[in-house]
């Protein structure tokens, strides 16, 4: 068990599948009280709830729907999430979109701006709302922003996605500096290649898997559970003096700096 996580009230955005669902499973195991966000995938969020209850039958878990592309709804969404357990101890900004488009095909920047809205602007607003609530309540808090290795090293097609993640890394550091005096920590998780529902088939196709595994020093992909473990670590008392940091989990991929050609 991670230090200090039992009974902590944690909001996880984008918890209906993939890494967000993995985070929920691990934090349920650690004894957290969960508020899980989803947008369109109602089947997925119900599966996540079933999974966390199978891990810990007495887990407290509530779900809330919100479309983060509609920024004017975020304040109401966050206030609802905060009220469920009469406060929150942690916020995990995991929800996001992966956009793959070249600049020439998005010359007007529509996909670019939509990606930044969901991946950068929404977490900024939610983190700020969380910090304001914690400061008013005179309580500490922990924020984990799920970024990507694309914020540090990227490749073709990822202008919008890489910009959103590099921006999230930078904003996280600034917020860590601004809110450290209030005992509010802000850290970043930067996953590498982690197969999820929408990518599992293609990433595990033998020739694709070989291409990636040859370039990852650890020789394999990451798992959603490993991302959940890292999130639990960043929320726990084990990182009480850690803020403004980026924790990269990629099996050594960007340390080697050898992405496959696309």
Protein backbone atom coordinates (compact mmCIF):
# COMPACT_ATOMS: atom_id res chain seq x y z
CA UNK A 1 0.00 0.00 0.00
CA UNK A 2 1.16 3.53 -0.83
CA UNK A 3 1.65 5.82 2.16
CA UNK A 4 -1.23 8.12 3.01
CA UNK A 5 -3.70 7.15 0.27
CA UNK A 6 -6.35 5.31 2.28
CA UNK A 7 -9.66 7.20 2.21
CA UNK A 8 -8.23 10.00 0.06
CA UNK A 9 -10.84 11.58 -2.19
CA UNK A 10 -9.58 11.53 -5.78
CA UNK A 11 -11.11 12.83 -9.01
CA UNK A 12 -9.86 11.07 -12.16
CA UNK A 13 -10.87 12.54 -15.50
CA UNK A 14 -11.17 10.29 -18.54
CA UNK A 15 -11.64 7.12 -16.52
CA UNK A 16 -13.84 5.15 -18.92
CA UNK A 17 -10.95 3.27 -20.56
CA UNK A 18 -7.21 3.04 -21.05
CA UNK A 19 -4.82 4.67 -18.62
CA UNK A 20 -7.62 6.39 -16.70
CA UNK A 21 -9.29 3.06 -16.01
CA UNK A 22 -5.93 1.63 -14.93
CA UNK A 23 -5.47 4.55 -12.54
CA UNK A 24 -8.91 3.90 -11.07
CA UNK A 25 -8.17 0.22 -10.48
CA UNK A 26 -4.91 0.93 -8.69
CA UNK A 27 -6.30 3.78 -6.57
CA UNK A 28 -9.28 1.62 -5.59
CA UNK A 29 -6.85 -1.03 -4.40
CA UNK A 30 -5.06 1.65 -2.36
CA UNK A 31 -8.28 2.48 -0.52
CA UNK A 32 -9.14 5.79 -2.22
CA UNK A 33 -12.63 7.21 -2.56
CA UNK A 34 -13.13 7.88 -6.24
CA UNK A 35 -14.95 10.33 -8.47
CA UNK A 36 -14.65 9.12 -12.06
CA UNK A 37 -15.29 11.32 -15.07
CA UNK A 38 -16.30 10.24 -18.55
CA UNK A 39 -17.70 11.88 -21.66
CA UNK A 40 -19.18 9.57 -24.32
CA UNK A 41 -18.16 6.07 -23.25
CA UNK A 42 -20.95 5.09 -20.86
CA UNK A 43 -20.29 1.37 -21.38
CA UNK A 44 -16.63 1.92 -20.53
CA UNK A 45 -17.22 3.88 -17.34
CA UNK A 46 -19.64 1.20 -16.10
CA UNK A 47 -16.95 -1.40 -16.80
CA UNK A 48 -14.44 0.68 -14.82
CA UNK A 49 -16.82 0.85 -11.86
CA UNK A 50 -17.34 -2.92 -12.00
CA UNK A 51 -13.58 -3.44 -12.14
CA UNK A 52 -12.83 -1.26 -9.11
CA UNK A 53 -15.58 -2.95 -7.12
CA UNK A 54 -14.19 -6.36 -8.01
CA UNK A 55 -10.83 -5.23 -6.63
CA UNK A 56 -12.29 -3.70 -3.46
CA UNK A 57 -15.95 -4.39 -2.87
CA UNK A 58 -16.39 -1.59 -0.31
CA UNK A 59 -14.88 1.08 -2.57
CA UNK A 60 -16.74 4.38 -2.69
CA UNK A 61 -17.08 5.44 -6.32
CA UNK A 62 -19.24 7.97 -8.15
CA UNK A 63 -19.30 8.91 -11.82
CA UNK A 64 -19.92 12.27 -13.57
CA UNK A 65 -20.22 13.03 -17.26
CA UNK A 66 -18.80 16.17 -18.88
CA UNK A 67 -17.63 17.22 -22.36
CA UNK A 68 -14.35 19.06 -21.82
CA UNK A 69 -14.56 20.71 -25.23
CA UNK A 70 -17.33 22.83 -23.70
CA UNK A 71 -15.16 24.82 -21.34
CA UNK A 72 -18.02 26.82 -19.85
CA UNK A 73 -19.38 23.62 -18.26
CA UNK A 74 -16.22 22.82 -16.32
CA UNK A 75 -16.97 25.00 -13.32
CA UNK A 76 -20.29 23.28 -12.66
CA UNK A 77 -18.68 19.89 -13.27
CA UNK A 78 -15.90 20.54 -10.78
CA UNK A 79 -18.20 21.91 -8.11
CA UNK A 80 -20.32 18.76 -8.41
CA UNK A 81 -17.23 16.55 -8.12
CA UNK A 82 -16.00 18.49 -5.07
CA UNK A 83 -19.37 18.21 -3.32
CA UNK A 84 -19.70 14.41 -3.54
CA UNK A 85 -17.38 13.71 -0.62
CA UNK A 86 -17.45 17.27 0.72
CA UNK A 87 -14.06 17.95 -0.79
CA UNK A 88 -11.22 16.36 -2.76
CA UNK A 89 -7.67 15.53 -1.79
CA UNK A 90 -6.35 14.85 -5.27
CA UNK A 91 -7.02 15.64 -8.91
CA UNK A 92 -5.81 13.49 -11.79
CA UNK A 93 -6.09 15.30 -15.11
CA UNK A 94 -6.06 12.31 -17.43
CA UNK A 95 -8.76 13.09 -20.02
CA UNK A 96 -7.45 14.05 -23.44
CA UNK A 97 -7.53 13.48 -27.16
CA UNK A 98 -4.80 12.12 -29.41
CA UNK A 99 -4.86 14.09 -32.66
CA UNK A 100 -2.71 12.98 -35.59
CA UNK A 101 -2.67 15.48 -38.47
CA UNK A 102 0.02 17.28 -40.41
CA UNK A 103 0.14 21.06 -40.29
CA UNK A 104 -0.57 21.26 -44.03
CA UNK A 105 -3.80 19.29 -43.60
CA UNK A 106 -4.81 21.49 -40.66
CA UNK A 107 -3.73 24.80 -42.16
CA UNK A 108 -6.49 26.74 -40.40
CA UNK A 109 -5.49 25.20 -37.08
CA UNK A 110 -8.94 23.89 -36.20
CA UNK A 111 -7.70 20.50 -34.97
CA UNK A 112 -4.79 22.27 -33.30
CA UNK A 113 -7.03 24.56 -31.24
CA UNK A 114 -9.51 21.81 -30.39
CA UNK A 115 -6.67 19.65 -29.08
CA UNK A 116 -5.28 22.47 -26.93
CA UNK A 117 -8.76 23.18 -25.58
CA UNK A 118 -9.22 19.64 -24.27
CA UNK A 119 -5.63 18.69 -23.43
CA UNK A 120 -4.36 21.97 -22.00
CA UNK A 121 -7.06 24.55 -21.33
CA UNK A 122 -9.41 22.14 -19.53
CA UNK A 123 -6.71 20.79 -17.15
CA UNK A 124 -5.62 24.37 -16.47
CA UNK A 125 -9.16 25.34 -15.46
CA UNK A 126 -9.72 22.21 -13.37
CA UNK A 127 -6.39 22.53 -11.58
CA UNK A 128 -7.06 26.17 -10.80
CA UNK A 129 -10.53 25.35 -9.47
CA UNK A 130 -9.04 22.57 -7.32
CA UNK A 131 -6.34 24.86 -5.95
CA UNK A 132 -8.84 27.60 -5.09
CA UNK A 133 -11.02 25.13 -3.20
CA UNK A 134 -8.04 23.72 -1.30
CA UNK A 135 -6.76 27.18 -0.38
CA UNK A 136 -10.18 28.25 0.85
CA UNK A 137 -10.51 25.05 2.88
CA UNK A 138 -6.93 25.49 4.18
CA UNK A 139 -6.06 21.94 3.18
CA UNK A 140 -3.20 20.44 1.17
CA UNK A 141 -3.78 18.88 -2.23
CA UNK A 142 -2.06 16.89 -4.96
CA UNK A 143 -2.49 17.21 -8.72
CA UNK A 144 -1.21 14.71 -11.27
CA UNK A 145 -1.33 15.77 -14.91
CA UNK A 146 -1.14 12.94 -17.42
CA UNK A 147 1.09 14.24 -20.19
CA UNK A 148 3.14 12.21 -22.68
CA UNK A 149 6.68 11.69 -23.89
CA UNK A 150 5.52 13.73 -26.90
CA UNK A 151 5.89 16.77 -24.66
CA UNK A 152 9.63 16.08 -24.61
CA UNK A 153 10.41 14.38 -27.94
CA UNK A 154 8.00 13.89 -30.79
CA UNK A 155 7.59 13.00 -34.47
CA UNK A 156 5.48 13.49 -37.58
CA UNK A 157 1.73 14.22 -37.38
CA UNK A 158 1.78 15.33 -33.73
CA UNK A 159 1.99 19.15 -33.85
CA UNK A 160 -1.21 19.68 -31.88
CA UNK A 161 -0.76 16.79 -29.47
CA UNK A 162 2.90 17.53 -28.76
CA UNK A 163 2.17 21.23 -28.25
CA UNK A 164 -0.63 20.44 -25.80
CA UNK A 165 1.56 18.09 -23.79
CA UNK A 166 4.62 20.34 -23.77
CA UNK A 167 2.30 23.12 -22.63
CA UNK A 168 0.87 20.92 -19.89
CA UNK A 169 4.38 20.14 -18.66
CA UNK A 170 5.20 23.86 -18.51
CA UNK A 171 1.93 24.90 -16.88
CA UNK A 172 2.35 22.19 -14.26
CA UNK A 173 5.73 23.58 -13.26
CA UNK A 174 4.40 27.13 -13.00
CA UNK A 175 1.42 26.05 -10.93
CA UNK A 176 3.70 24.03 -8.67
CA UNK A 177 5.68 27.19 -7.98
CA UNK A 178 2.59 29.34 -7.44
CA UNK A 179 0.81 26.91 -5.14
CA UNK A 180 3.69 25.38 -3.20
CA UNK A 181 3.16 27.88 -0.38
CA UNK A 182 -0.30 26.39 0.10
CA UNK A 183 0.97 22.80 0.23
CA UNK A 184 -0.57 22.00 -3.14
CA UNK A 185 1.69 19.77 -5.22
CA UNK A 186 1.57 19.56 -9.00
CA UNK A 187 3.43 16.80 -10.82
CA UNK A 188 3.35 15.27 -14.28
CA UNK A 189 3.22 11.67 -15.47
CA UNK A 190 4.67 11.26 -18.97
CA UNK A 191 3.79 7.81 -20.36
CA UNK A 192 5.46 6.25 -23.35
CA UNK A 193 3.81 3.62 -25.54
CA UNK A 194 1.00 1.99 -23.56
CA UNK A 195 -1.53 -0.10 -25.50
CA UNK A 196 -5.13 0.76 -24.67
CA UNK A 197 -8.43 -0.39 -26.14
CA UNK A 198 -8.23 1.69 -29.31
CA UNK A 199 -4.56 0.84 -30.02
CA UNK A 200 -4.17 -2.68 -28.65
CA UNK A 201 -4.79 -4.51 -31.91
CA UNK A 202 -2.45 -2.46 -34.08
CA UNK A 203 0.34 -2.13 -31.51
CA UNK A 204 0.35 -5.87 -30.86
CA UNK A 205 0.32 -6.83 -34.52
CA UNK A 206 3.60 -8.83 -34.74
CA UNK A 207 5.50 -6.60 -37.17
CA UNK A 208 4.41 -3.41 -35.38
CA UNK A 209 5.25 -4.84 -31.96
CA UNK A 210 8.69 -5.88 -33.18
CA UNK A 211 9.34 -2.43 -34.63
CA UNK A 212 8.49 -0.72 -31.36
CA UNK A 213 10.08 -3.26 -29.02
CA UNK A 214 13.38 -2.97 -30.86
CA UNK A 215 13.43 0.76 -30.10
CA UNK A 216 12.39 0.52 -26.45
CA UNK A 217 15.42 -0.37 -24.30
CA UNK A 218 13.18 -2.26 -21.85
CA UNK A 219 12.00 -4.36 -24.80
CA UNK A 220 8.26 -4.07 -24.20
CA UNK A 221 5.30 -1.71 -23.96
CA UNK A 222 4.07 -0.22 -20.70
CA UNK A 223 0.77 -1.19 -19.08
CA UNK A 224 -2.14 0.84 -17.81
CA UNK A 225 -1.58 -0.66 -14.35
CA UNK A 226 2.00 0.61 -14.33
CA UNK A 227 0.70 4.09 -15.12
CA UNK A 228 -1.77 3.67 -12.27
CA UNK A 229 1.03 2.67 -9.90
CA UNK A 230 3.00 5.77 -10.87
CA UNK A 231 -0.06 7.95 -10.32
CA UNK A 232 -0.59 6.47 -6.88
CA UNK A 233 3.06 7.19 -6.10
CA UNK A 234 2.71 10.83 -7.15
CA UNK A 235 -0.42 11.25 -5.02
CA UNK A 236 1.04 9.49 -1.99
CA UNK A 237 3.02 10.75 0.99
CA UNK A 238 6.09 9.12 -0.56
CA UNK A 239 6.31 12.20 -2.81
CA UNK A 240 5.39 14.80 -0.20
CA UNK A 241 8.45 16.91 -1.14
CA UNK A 242 8.04 16.37 -4.89
CA UNK A 243 6.39 19.09 -6.94
CA UNK A 244 6.96 20.59 -10.38
CA UNK A 245 8.46 17.32 -11.61
CA UNK A 246 7.89 15.22 -14.72
CA UNK A 247 7.97 11.46 -14.11
CA UNK A 248 8.69 9.73 -17.44
CA UNK A 249 7.64 6.09 -17.82
CA UNK A 250 8.58 4.93 -21.31
CA UNK A 251 10.94 1.97 -20.96
CA UNK A 252 13.82 4.23 -21.97
CA UNK A 253 12.41 5.14 -25.41
CA UNK A 254 13.21 8.86 -25.48
CA UNK A 255 16.47 8.39 -23.61
CA UNK A 256 17.53 6.41 -26.66
CA UNK A 257 15.83 8.90 -28.97
CA UNK A 258 15.03 6.47 -31.76
CA UNK A 259 11.40 6.60 -32.81
CA UNK A 260 10.43 4.44 -35.79
CA UNK A 261 9.75 6.33 -39.02
CA UNK A 262 6.07 7.01 -39.75
